[in-house]
């Protein structure tokens, strides 16, 4: 089994967001939010595009992975009952696993 890199996983997430019809530009600077997952400021899918993706790509460059990632859990909660998001939810849950493994490697 081939282990997917964080960059590969982000590219898959980006492609799925595009497939869902969301405008994705991961090179844009991340927007600032004051609430967890931007819940007070925007819909979760917009947070993924405007905050999560740009910040995740920044982390790739700095290798400053968080010890815990919960974007998959947030996706499960936000997209519950929305079957069209099932692939995205799976990709985000896998991102959590990859990010946490990367964090352990960076701190080893």
PDB file of N, CA and C in Angstrom:
ATOM      1  N   UNK A   1       0.837  -1.188   0.000  1.00  0.00           N
ATOM      2  CA  UNK A   1       0.000   0.000   0.000  1.00  0.00           C
ATOM      3  C   UNK A   1       0.879   1.247   0.000  1.00  0.00           C
ATOM      4  N   UNK A   2       0.559   2.198  -0.859  1.00  0.00           N
ATOM      5  CA  UNK A   2       1.303   3.437  -0.947  1.00  0.00           C
ATOM      6  C   UNK A   2       0.752   4.419   0.076  1.00  0.00           C
ATOM      7  N   UNK A   3       1.658   5.040   0.806  1.00  0.00           N
ATOM      8  CA  UNK A   3       1.242   6.043   1.773  1.00  0.00           C
ATOM      9  C   UNK A   3       1.120   7.382   1.067  1.00  0.00           C
ATOM     10  N   UNK A   4       0.006   8.004   1.239  1.00  0.00           N
ATOM     11  CA  UNK A   4      -0.244   9.300   0.613  1.00  0.00           C
ATOM     12  C   UNK A   4       0.448  10.391   1.413  1.00  0.00           C
ATOM     13  N   UNK A   5       1.085  11.327   0.716  1.00  0.00           N
ATOM     14  CA  UNK A   5       1.732  12.452   1.384  1.00  0.00           C
ATOM     15  C   UNK A   5       0.682  13.509   1.712  1.00  0.00           C
ATOM     16  N   UNK A   6       1.008  14.415   2.641  1.00  0.00           N
ATOM     17  CA  UNK A   6       0.056  15.494   2.925  1.00  0.00           C
ATOM     18  C   UNK A   6      -0.270  16.310   1.676  1.00  0.00           C
ATOM     19  N   UNK A   7       0.716  16.571   0.824  1.00  0.00           N
ATOM     20  CA  UNK A   7       0.472  17.346  -0.400  1.00  0.00           C
ATOM     21  C   UNK A   7      -0.494  16.601  -1.322  1.00  0.00           C
ATOM     22  N   UNK A   8      -0.279  15.286  -1.479  1.00  0.00           N
ATOM     23  CA  UNK A   8      -1.193  14.474  -2.294  1.00  0.00           C
ATOM     24  C   UNK A   8      -2.614  14.553  -1.752  1.00  0.00           C
ATOM     25  N   UNK A   9      -2.747  14.465  -0.441  1.00  0.00           N
ATOM     26  CA  UNK A   9      -4.072  14.494   0.176  1.00  0.00           C
ATOM     27  C   UNK A   9      -4.745  15.845  -0.049  1.00  0.00           C
ATOM     28  N   UNK A  10      -3.986  16.919   0.100  1.00  0.00           N
ATOM     29  CA  UNK A  10      -4.556  18.248  -0.130  1.00  0.00           C
ATOM     30  C   UNK A  10      -4.986  18.419  -1.580  1.00  0.00           C
ATOM     31  N   UNK A  11      -4.228  17.888  -2.506  1.00  0.00           N
ATOM     32  CA  UNK A  11      -4.603  17.960  -3.923  1.00  0.00           C
ATOM     33  C   UNK A  11      -5.915  17.205  -4.170  1.00  0.00           C
ATOM     34  N   UNK A  12      -6.084  16.059  -3.508  1.00  0.00           N
ATOM     35  CA  UNK A  12      -7.336  15.304  -3.627  1.00  0.00           C
ATOM     36  C   UNK A  12      -8.515  16.089  -3.048  1.00  0.00           C
ATOM     37  N   UNK A  13      -8.295  16.724  -1.904  1.00  0.00           N
ATOM     38  CA  UNK A  13      -9.339  17.537  -1.271  1.00  0.00           C
ATOM     39  C   UNK A  13      -9.702  18.709  -2.189  1.00  0.00           C
ATOM     40  N   UNK A  14      -8.680  19.356  -2.716  1.00  0.00           N
ATOM     41  CA  UNK A  14      -8.887  20.480  -3.631  1.00  0.00           C
ATOM     42  C   UNK A  14      -9.695  20.035  -4.856  1.00  0.00           C
ATOM     43  N   UNK A  15      -9.350  18.903  -5.430  1.00  0.00           N
ATOM     44  CA  UNK A  15     -10.068  18.388  -6.602  1.00  0.00           C
ATOM     45  C   UNK A  15     -11.520  18.078  -6.265  1.00  0.00           C
ATOM     46  N   UNK A  16     -11.761  17.518  -5.094  1.00  0.00           N
ATOM     47  CA  UNK A  16     -13.132  17.195  -4.695  1.00  0.00           C
ATOM     48  C   UNK A  16     -13.947  18.469  -4.457  1.00  0.00           C
ATOM     49  N   UNK A  17     -13.341  19.474  -3.864  1.00  0.00           N
ATOM     50  CA  UNK A  17     -14.034  20.750  -3.678  1.00  0.00           C
ATOM     51  C   UNK A  17     -14.426  21.343  -5.026  1.00  0.00           C
ATOM     52  N   UNK A  18     -13.540  21.239  -5.992  1.00  0.00           N
ATOM     53  CA  UNK A  18     -13.858  21.725  -7.346  1.00  0.00           C
ATOM     54  C   UNK A  18     -14.996  20.909  -7.955  1.00  0.00           C
ATOM     55  N   UNK A  19     -14.932  19.581  -7.780  1.00  0.00           N
ATOM     56  CA  UNK A  19     -15.982  18.721  -8.314  1.00  0.00           C
ATOM     57  C   UNK A  19     -17.339  19.111  -7.736  1.00  0.00           C
ATOM     58  N   UNK A  20     -17.335  19.559  -6.490  1.00  0.00           N
ATOM     59  CA  UNK A  20     -18.569  19.978  -5.819  1.00  0.00           C
ATOM     60  C   UNK A  20     -19.009  21.381  -6.257  1.00  0.00           C
ATOM     61  N   UNK A  21     -18.218  22.019  -7.123  1.00  0.00           N
ATOM     62  CA  UNK A  21     -18.597  23.319  -7.651  1.00  0.00           C
ATOM     63  C   UNK A  21     -18.137  24.507  -6.834  1.00  0.00           C
ATOM     64  N   UNK A  22     -17.210  24.284  -5.911  1.00  0.00           N
ATOM     65  CA  UNK A  22     -16.703  25.387  -5.099  1.00  0.00           C
ATOM     66  C   UNK A  22     -15.471  25.990  -5.763  1.00  0.00           C
ATOM     67  N   UNK A  23     -15.374  27.298  -5.778  1.00  0.00           N
ATOM     68  CA  UNK A  23     -14.227  27.986  -6.365  1.00  0.00           C
ATOM     69  C   UNK A  23     -13.041  27.832  -5.419  1.00  0.00           C
ATOM     70  N   UNK A  24     -11.990  27.211  -5.910  1.00  0.00           N
ATOM     71  CA  UNK A  24     -10.830  26.920  -5.081  1.00  0.00           C
ATOM     72  C   UNK A  24      -9.608  27.637  -5.632  1.00  0.00           C
ATOM     73  N   UNK A  25      -8.930  28.414  -4.770  1.00  0.00           N
ATOM     74  CA  UNK A  25      -7.659  29.037  -5.114  1.00  0.00           C
ATOM     75  C   UNK A  25      -6.764  28.953  -3.886  1.00  0.00           C
ATOM     76  N   UNK A  26      -6.052  27.810  -3.729  1.00  0.00           N
ATOM     77  CA  UNK A  26      -5.255  27.622  -2.519  1.00  0.00           C
ATOM     78  C   UNK A  26      -4.073  28.583  -2.408  1.00  0.00           C
ATOM     79  N   UNK A  27      -3.771  29.321  -3.477  1.00  0.00           N
ATOM     80  CA  UNK A  27      -2.665  30.270  -3.399  1.00  0.00           C
ATOM     81  C   UNK A  27      -3.094  31.591  -2.763  1.00  0.00           C
ATOM     82  N   UNK A  28      -4.400  31.784  -2.579  1.00  0.00           N
ATOM     83  CA  UNK A  28      -4.876  33.002  -1.933  1.00  0.00           C
ATOM     84  C   UNK A  28      -4.505  32.973  -0.456  1.00  0.00           C
ATOM     85  N   UNK A  29      -4.291  34.134   0.165  1.00  0.00           N
ATOM     86  CA  UNK A  29      -4.019  34.128   1.605  1.00  0.00           C
ATOM     87  C   UNK A  29      -5.256  33.667   2.372  1.00  0.00           C
ATOM     88  N   UNK A  30      -5.024  33.004   3.478  1.00  0.00           N
ATOM     89  CA  UNK A  30      -6.134  32.520   4.304  1.00  0.00           C
ATOM     90  C   UNK A  30      -6.874  33.695   4.919  1.00  0.00           C
ATOM     91  N   UNK A  31      -8.187  33.606   4.919  1.00  0.00           N
ATOM     92  CA  UNK A  31      -8.991  34.618   5.594  1.00  0.00           C
ATOM     93  C   UNK A  31      -8.890  34.416   7.098  1.00  0.00           C
ATOM     94  N   UNK A  32      -9.084  35.482   7.838  1.00  0.00           N
ATOM     95  CA  UNK A  32      -9.097  35.411   9.295  1.00  0.00           C
ATOM     96  C   UNK A  32     -10.499  35.082   9.767  1.00  0.00           C
ATOM     97  N   UNK A  33     -10.571  34.222  10.744  1.00  0.00           N
ATOM     98  CA  UNK A  33     -11.852  33.904  11.371  1.00  0.00           C
ATOM     99  C   UNK A  33     -11.664  33.937  12.878  1.00  0.00           C
ATOM    100  N   UNK A  34     -12.744  34.219  13.573  1.00  0.00           N
ATOM    101  CA  UNK A  34     -12.648  34.323  15.028  1.00  0.00           C
ATOM    102  C   UNK A  34     -13.338  33.170  15.747  1.00  0.00           C
ATOM    103  N   UNK A  35     -13.926  32.267  14.983  1.00  0.00           N
ATOM    104  CA  UNK A  35     -14.632  31.144  15.601  1.00  0.00           C
ATOM    105  C   UNK A  35     -14.087  29.829  15.045  1.00  0.00           C
ATOM    106  N   UNK A  36     -14.288  28.775  15.789  1.00  0.00           N
ATOM    107  CA  UNK A  36     -13.830  27.454  15.356  1.00  0.00           C
ATOM    108  C   UNK A  36     -14.448  27.116  14.007  1.00  0.00           C
ATOM    109  N   UNK A  37     -13.612  26.740  13.050  1.00  0.00           N
ATOM    110  CA  UNK A  37     -14.038  26.374  11.705  1.00  0.00           C
ATOM    111  C   UNK A  37     -14.858  27.486  11.035  1.00  0.00           C
ATOM    112  N   UNK A  38     -14.677  28.720  11.496  1.00  0.00           N
ATOM    113  CA  UNK A  38     -15.351  29.863  10.889  1.00  0.00           C
ATOM    114  C   UNK A  38     -16.860  29.846  11.018  1.00  0.00           C
ATOM    115  N   UNK A  39     -17.376  29.084  11.968  1.00  0.00           N
ATOM    116  CA  UNK A  39     -18.822  28.871  12.079  1.00  0.00           C
ATOM    117  C   UNK A  39     -19.612  30.168  12.213  1.00  0.00           C
ATOM    118  N   UNK A  40     -19.061  31.169  12.867  1.00  0.00           N
ATOM    119  CA  UNK A  40     -19.790  32.425  13.042  1.00  0.00           C
ATOM    120  C   UNK A  40     -19.705  33.319  11.805  1.00  0.00           C
ATOM    121  N   UNK A  41     -18.731  33.028  10.927  1.00  0.00           N
ATOM    122  CA  UNK A  41     -18.498  33.914   9.792  1.00  0.00           C
ATOM    123  C   UNK A  41     -18.978  33.396   8.443  1.00  0.00           C
ATOM    124  N   UNK A  42     -18.972  32.075   8.242  1.00  0.00           N
ATOM    125  CA  UNK A  42     -19.258  31.545   6.905  1.00  0.00           C
ATOM    126  C   UNK A  42     -19.671  30.083   6.982  1.00  0.00           C
ATOM    127  N   UNK A  43     -20.294  29.578   5.913  1.00  0.00           N
ATOM    128  CA  UNK A  43     -20.602  28.147   5.863  1.00  0.00           C
ATOM    129  C   UNK A  43     -19.309  27.320   5.886  1.00  0.00           C
ATOM    130  N   UNK A  44     -19.388  26.127   6.411  1.00  0.00           N
ATOM    131  CA  UNK A  44     -18.216  25.267   6.563  1.00  0.00           C
ATOM    132  C   UNK A  44     -17.491  25.036   5.242  1.00  0.00           C
ATOM    133  N   UNK A  45     -18.252  24.809   4.155  1.00  0.00           N
ATOM    134  CA  UNK A  45     -17.595  24.551   2.866  1.00  0.00           C
ATOM    135  C   UNK A  45     -16.805  25.760   2.390  1.00  0.00           C
ATOM    136  N   UNK A  46     -17.250  26.970   2.720  1.00  0.00           N
ATOM    137  CA  UNK A  46     -16.487  28.169   2.376  1.00  0.00           C
ATOM    138  C   UNK A  46     -15.242  28.263   3.247  1.00  0.00           C
ATOM    139  N   UNK A  47     -15.358  27.893   4.511  1.00  0.00           N
ATOM    140  CA  UNK A  47     -14.194  27.871   5.406  1.00  0.00           C
ATOM    141  C   UNK A  47     -13.136  26.914   4.857  1.00  0.00           C
ATOM    142  N   UNK A  48     -13.568  25.770   4.353  1.00  0.00           N
ATOM    143  CA  UNK A  48     -12.608  24.827   3.779  1.00  0.00           C
ATOM    144  C   UNK A  48     -11.804  25.476   2.656  1.00  0.00           C
ATOM    145  N   UNK A  49     -12.479  26.225   1.802  1.00  0.00           N
ATOM    146  CA  UNK A  49     -11.853  26.857   0.639  1.00  0.00           C
ATOM    147  C   UNK A  49     -11.032  28.086   1.044  1.00  0.00           C
ATOM    148  N   UNK A  50     -11.588  28.925   1.918  1.00  0.00           N
ATOM    149  CA  UNK A  50     -10.974  30.225   2.209  1.00  0.00           C
ATOM    150  C   UNK A  50      -9.996  30.226   3.371  1.00  0.00           C
ATOM    151  N   UNK A  51     -10.081  29.219   4.240  1.00  0.00           N
ATOM    152  CA  UNK A  51      -9.218  29.196   5.422  1.00  0.00           C
ATOM    153  C   UNK A  51      -8.403  27.901   5.476  1.00  0.00           C
ATOM    154  N   UNK A  52      -9.084  26.780   5.482  1.00  0.00           N
ATOM    155  CA  UNK A  52      -8.400  25.497   5.645  1.00  0.00           C
ATOM    156  C   UNK A  52      -7.345  25.234   4.568  1.00  0.00           C
ATOM    157  N   UNK A  53      -7.746  25.257   3.297  1.00  0.00           N
ATOM    158  CA  UNK A  53      -6.796  24.935   2.222  1.00  0.00           C
ATOM    159  C   UNK A  53      -5.582  25.855   2.215  1.00  0.00           C
ATOM    160  N   UNK A  54      -5.759  27.187   2.216  1.00  0.00           N
ATOM    161  CA  UNK A  54      -4.565  28.038   2.223  1.00  0.00           C
ATOM    162  C   UNK A  54      -3.652  27.790   3.430  1.00  0.00           C
ATOM    163  N   UNK A  55      -4.243  27.611   4.611  1.00  0.00           N
ATOM    164  CA  UNK A  55      -3.425  27.360   5.813  1.00  0.00           C
ATOM    165  C   UNK A  55      -2.733  25.998   5.735  1.00  0.00           C
ATOM    166  N   UNK A  56      -3.424  25.001   5.229  1.00  0.00           N
ATOM    167  CA  UNK A  56      -2.821  23.671   5.117  1.00  0.00           C
ATOM    168  C   UNK A  56      -1.634  23.692   4.158  1.00  0.00           C
ATOM    169  N   UNK A  57      -1.763  24.411   3.064  1.00  0.00           N
ATOM    170  CA  UNK A  57      -0.635  24.530   2.135  1.00  0.00           C
ATOM    171  C   UNK A  57       0.526  25.294   2.774  1.00  0.00           C
ATOM    172  N   UNK A  58       0.230  26.285   3.618  1.00  0.00           N
ATOM    173  CA  UNK A  58       1.292  26.996   4.344  1.00  0.00           C
ATOM    174  C   UNK A  58       2.033  26.042   5.272  1.00  0.00           C
ATOM    175  N   UNK A  59       1.299  25.175   5.928  1.00  0.00           N
ATOM    176  CA  UNK A  59       1.908  24.209   6.851  1.00  0.00           C
ATOM    177  C   UNK A  59       2.850  23.270   6.103  1.00  0.00           C
ATOM    178  N   UNK A  60       2.502  22.929   4.875  1.00  0.00           N
ATOM    179  CA  UNK A  60       3.399  22.089   4.078  1.00  0.00           C
ATOM    180  C   UNK A  60       4.777  22.725   3.960  1.00  0.00           C
ATOM    181  N   UNK A  61       4.807  24.043   3.771  1.00  0.00           N
ATOM    182  CA  UNK A  61       6.077  24.751   3.599  1.00  0.00           C
ATOM    183  C   UNK A  61       6.852  24.892   4.895  1.00  0.00           C
ATOM    184  N   UNK A  62       6.148  25.021   6.011  1.00  0.00           N
ATOM    185  CA  UNK A  62       6.821  25.243   7.293  1.00  0.00           C
ATOM    186  C   UNK A  62       7.009  23.960   8.092  1.00  0.00           C
ATOM    187  N   UNK A  63       6.279  22.914   7.724  1.00  0.00           N
ATOM    188  CA  UNK A  63       6.295  21.635   8.447  1.00  0.00           C
ATOM    189  C   UNK A  63       5.885  21.807   9.914  1.00  0.00           C
ATOM    190  N   UNK A  64       5.027  22.790  10.186  1.00  0.00           N
ATOM    191  CA  UNK A  64       4.556  23.081  11.543  1.00  0.00           C
ATOM    192  C   UNK A  64       3.172  22.460  11.739  1.00  0.00           C
ATOM    193  N   UNK A  65       3.107  21.142  11.712  1.00  0.00           N
ATOM    194  CA  UNK A  65       1.837  20.425  11.805  1.00  0.00           C
ATOM    195  C   UNK A  65       1.255  20.513  13.207  1.00  0.00           C
ATOM    196  N   UNK A  66      -0.069  20.670  13.310  1.00  0.00           N
ATOM    197  CA  UNK A  66      -0.701  20.641  14.636  1.00  0.00           C
ATOM    198  C   UNK A  66      -0.666  19.218  15.182  1.00  0.00           C
ATOM    199  N   UNK A  67      -0.618  19.091  16.491  1.00  0.00           N
ATOM    200  CA  UNK A  67      -0.593  17.745  17.080  1.00  0.00           C
ATOM    201  C   UNK A  67      -1.933  17.043  16.921  1.00  0.00           C
ATOM    202  N   UNK A  68      -2.987  17.804  16.735  1.00  0.00           N
ATOM    203  CA  UNK A  68      -4.333  17.248  16.579  1.00  0.00           C
ATOM    204  C   UNK A  68      -5.048  17.986  15.462  1.00  0.00           C
ATOM    205  N   UNK A  69      -5.660  17.246  14.568  1.00  0.00           N
ATOM    206  CA  UNK A  69      -6.472  17.840  13.501  1.00  0.00           C
ATOM    207  C   UNK A  69      -7.875  17.261  13.603  1.00  0.00           C
ATOM    208  N   UNK A  70      -8.872  18.131  13.507  1.00  0.00           N
ATOM    209  CA  UNK A  70     -10.256  17.676  13.644  1.00  0.00           C
ATOM    210  C   UNK A  70     -11.147  18.157  12.513  1.00  0.00           C
ATOM    211  N   UNK A  71     -10.539  18.443  11.360  1.00  0.00           N
ATOM    212  CA  UNK A  71     -11.340  18.902  10.228  1.00  0.00           C
ATOM    213  C   UNK A  71     -12.278  17.799   9.743  1.00  0.00           C
ATOM    214  N   UNK A  72     -11.865  16.545   9.857  1.00  0.00           N
ATOM    215  CA  UNK A  72     -12.723  15.429   9.465  1.00  0.00           C
ATOM    216  C   UNK A  72     -13.962  15.329  10.350  1.00  0.00           C
ATOM    217  N   UNK A  73     -13.761  15.502  11.643  1.00  0.00           N
ATOM    218  CA  UNK A  73     -14.887  15.459  12.587  1.00  0.00           C
ATOM    219  C   UNK A  73     -15.855  16.609  12.294  1.00  0.00           C
ATOM    220  N   UNK A  74     -15.300  17.790  12.032  1.00  0.00           N
ATOM    221  CA  UNK A  74     -16.149  18.935  11.697  1.00  0.00           C
ATOM    222  C   UNK A  74     -16.922  18.668  10.406  1.00  0.00           C
ATOM    223  N   UNK A  75     -16.273  18.013   9.447  1.00  0.00           N
ATOM    224  CA  UNK A  75     -16.954  17.689   8.181  1.00  0.00           C
ATOM    225  C   UNK A  75     -18.092  16.704   8.418  1.00  0.00           C
ATOM    226  N   UNK A  76     -17.860  15.709   9.244  1.00  0.00           N
ATOM    227  CA  UNK A  76     -18.920  14.740   9.564  1.00  0.00           C
ATOM    228  C   UNK A  76     -20.132  15.467  10.138  1.00  0.00           C
ATOM    229  N   UNK A  77     -19.885  16.385  11.062  1.00  0.00           N
ATOM    230  CA  UNK A  77     -20.989  17.126  11.692  1.00  0.00           C
ATOM    231  C   UNK A  77     -21.699  18.052  10.710  1.00  0.00           C
ATOM    232  N   UNK A  78     -20.914  18.759   9.912  1.00  0.00           N
ATOM    233  CA  UNK A  78     -21.494  19.763   9.008  1.00  0.00           C
ATOM    234  C   UNK A  78     -22.180  19.178   7.792  1.00  0.00           C
ATOM    235  N   UNK A  79     -21.726  18.018   7.343  1.00  0.00           N
ATOM    236  CA  UNK A  79     -22.285  17.435   6.132  1.00  0.00           C
ATOM    237  C   UNK A  79     -23.151  16.211   6.408  1.00  0.00           C
ATOM    238  N   UNK A  80     -23.546  16.020   7.653  1.00  0.00           N
ATOM    239  CA  UNK A  80     -24.400  14.894   8.012  1.00  0.00           C
ATOM    240  C   UNK A  80     -25.687  14.929   7.180  1.00  0.00           C
ATOM    241  N   UNK A  81     -25.967  13.829   6.515  1.00  0.00           N
ATOM    242  CA  UNK A  81     -27.174  13.728   5.705  1.00  0.00           C
ATOM    243  C   UNK A  81     -27.037  14.300   4.305  1.00  0.00           C
ATOM    244  N   UNK A  82     -25.876  14.800   3.953  1.00  0.00           N
ATOM    245  CA  UNK A  82     -25.633  15.363   2.617  1.00  0.00           C
ATOM    246  C   UNK A  82     -24.709  14.421   1.856  1.00  0.00           C
ATOM    247  N   UNK A  83     -25.301  13.454   1.190  1.00  0.00           N
ATOM    248  CA  UNK A  83     -24.534  12.400   0.533  1.00  0.00           C
ATOM    249  C   UNK A  83     -23.533  12.901  -0.488  1.00  0.00           C
ATOM    250  N   UNK A  84     -23.810  14.040  -1.122  1.00  0.00           N
ATOM    251  CA  UNK A  84     -22.897  14.551  -2.142  1.00  0.00           C
ATOM    252  C   UNK A  84     -21.526  14.929  -1.563  1.00  0.00           C
ATOM    253  N   UNK A  85     -21.437  15.068  -0.240  1.00  0.00           N
ATOM    254  CA  UNK A  85     -20.185  15.417   0.413  1.00  0.00           C
ATOM    255  C   UNK A  85     -19.447  14.213   0.996  1.00  0.00           C
ATOM    256  N   UNK A  86     -19.932  13.001   0.761  1.00  0.00           N
ATOM    257  CA  UNK A  86     -19.343  11.823   1.406  1.00  0.00           C
ATOM    258  C   UNK A  86     -17.880  11.599   1.037  1.00  0.00           C
ATOM    259  N   UNK A  87     -17.517  11.813  -0.218  1.00  0.00           N
ATOM    260  CA  UNK A  87     -16.112  11.643  -0.622  1.00  0.00           C
ATOM    261  C   UNK A  87     -15.242  12.689   0.081  1.00  0.00           C
ATOM    262  N   UNK A  88     -15.719  13.921   0.137  1.00  0.00           N
ATOM    263  CA  UNK A  88     -14.977  14.986   0.807  1.00  0.00           C
ATOM    264  C   UNK A  88     -14.784  14.675   2.282  1.00  0.00           C
ATOM    265  N   UNK A  89     -15.817  14.187   2.944  1.00  0.00           N
ATOM    266  CA  UNK A  89     -15.713  13.828   4.359  1.00  0.00           C
ATOM    267  C   UNK A  89     -14.631  12.767   4.550  1.00  0.00           C
ATOM    268  N   UNK A  90     -14.629  11.763   3.703  1.00  0.00           N
ATOM    269  CA  UNK A  90     -13.616  10.701   3.797  1.00  0.00           C
ATOM    270  C   UNK A  90     -12.217  11.279   3.611  1.00  0.00           C
ATOM    271  N   UNK A  91     -12.049  12.141   2.625  1.00  0.00           N
ATOM    272  CA  UNK A  91     -10.740  12.758   2.373  1.00  0.00           C
ATOM    273  C   UNK A  91     -10.284  13.604   3.556  1.00  0.00           C
ATOM    274  N   UNK A  92     -11.194  14.333   4.170  1.00  0.00           N
ATOM    275  CA  UNK A  92     -10.837  15.181   5.313  1.00  0.00           C
ATOM    276  C   UNK A  92     -10.497  14.350   6.550  1.00  0.00           C
ATOM    277  N   UNK A  93     -11.202  13.244   6.748  1.00  0.00           N
ATOM    278  CA  UNK A  93     -10.869  12.351   7.865  1.00  0.00           C
ATOM    279  C   UNK A  93      -9.480  11.750   7.663  1.00  0.00           C
ATOM    280  N   UNK A  94      -9.173  11.394   6.443  1.00  0.00           N
ATOM    281  CA  UNK A  94      -7.839  10.865   6.128  1.00  0.00           C
ATOM    282  C   UNK A  94      -6.782  11.960   6.304  1.00  0.00           C
ATOM    283  N   UNK A  95      -7.131  13.193   5.975  1.00  0.00           N
ATOM    284  CA  UNK A  95      -6.196  14.299   6.201  1.00  0.00           C
ATOM    285  C   UNK A  95      -5.836  14.393   7.681  1.00  0.00           C
ATOM    286  N   UNK A  96      -6.823  14.258   8.560  1.00  0.00           N
ATOM    287  CA  UNK A  96      -6.549  14.294  10.000  1.00  0.00           C
ATOM    288  C   UNK A  96      -5.483  13.274  10.366  1.00  0.00           C
ATOM    289  N   UNK A  97      -5.629  12.062   9.872  1.00  0.00           N
ATOM    290  CA  UNK A  97      -4.676  10.996  10.176  1.00  0.00           C
ATOM    291  C   UNK A  97      -3.284  11.341   9.641  1.00  0.00           C
ATOM    292  N   UNK A  98      -3.214  11.825   8.416  1.00  0.00           N
ATOM    293  CA  UNK A  98      -1.941  12.163   7.792  1.00  0.00           C
ATOM    294  C   UNK A  98      -1.280  13.343   8.515  1.00  0.00           C
ATOM    295  N   UNK A  99      -2.063  14.363   8.852  1.00  0.00           N
ATOM    296  CA  UNK A  99      -1.517  15.541   9.536  1.00  0.00           C
ATOM    297  C   UNK A  99      -0.966  15.170  10.908  1.00  0.00           C
ATOM    298  N   UNK A 100      -1.698  14.351  11.643  1.00  0.00           N
ATOM    299  CA  UNK A 100      -1.233  13.950  12.975  1.00  0.00           C
ATOM    300  C   UNK A 100       0.027  13.090  12.877  1.00  0.00           C
ATOM    301  N   UNK A 101       0.106  12.224  11.884  1.00  0.00           N
ATOM    302  CA  UNK A 101       1.317  11.416  11.677  1.00  0.00           C
ATOM    303  C   UNK A 101       2.484  12.326  11.297  1.00  0.00           C
ATOM    304  N   UNK A 102       2.238  13.325  10.470  1.00  0.00           N
ATOM    305  CA  UNK A 102       3.286  14.280  10.082  1.00  0.00           C
ATOM    306  C   UNK A 102       3.773  15.052  11.289  1.00  0.00           C
ATOM    307  N   UNK A 103       2.862  15.419  12.195  1.00  0.00           N
ATOM    308  CA  UNK A 103       3.236  16.123  13.410  1.00  0.00           C
ATOM    309  C   UNK A 103       4.162  15.269  14.278  1.00  0.00           C
ATOM    310  N   UNK A 104       3.815  14.001  14.409  1.00  0.00           N
ATOM    311  CA  UNK A 104       4.665  13.104  15.217  1.00  0.00           C
ATOM    312  C   UNK A 104       6.053  12.984  14.597  1.00  0.00           C
ATOM    313  N   UNK A 105       6.115  12.899  13.273  1.00  0.00           N
ATOM    314  CA  UNK A 105       7.417  12.792  12.590  1.00  0.00           C
ATOM    315  C   UNK A 105       8.221  14.074  12.758  1.00  0.00           C
ATOM    316  N   UNK A 106       7.556  15.217  12.687  1.00  0.00           N
ATOM    317  CA  UNK A 106       8.245  16.505  12.800  1.00  0.00           C
ATOM    318  C   UNK A 106       8.806  16.710  14.206  1.00  0.00           C
ATOM    319  N   UNK A 107       8.164  16.122  15.199  1.00  0.00           N
ATOM    320  CA  UNK A 107       8.590  16.297  16.587  1.00  0.00           C
ATOM    321  C   UNK A 107       9.453  15.138  17.093  1.00  0.00           C
ATOM    322  N   UNK A 108       9.723  14.184  16.220  1.00  0.00           N
ATOM    323  CA  UNK A 108      10.530  13.025  16.654  1.00  0.00           C
ATOM    324  C   UNK A 108      12.017  13.331  16.615  1.00  0.00           C
TER     325      UNK A 108
END
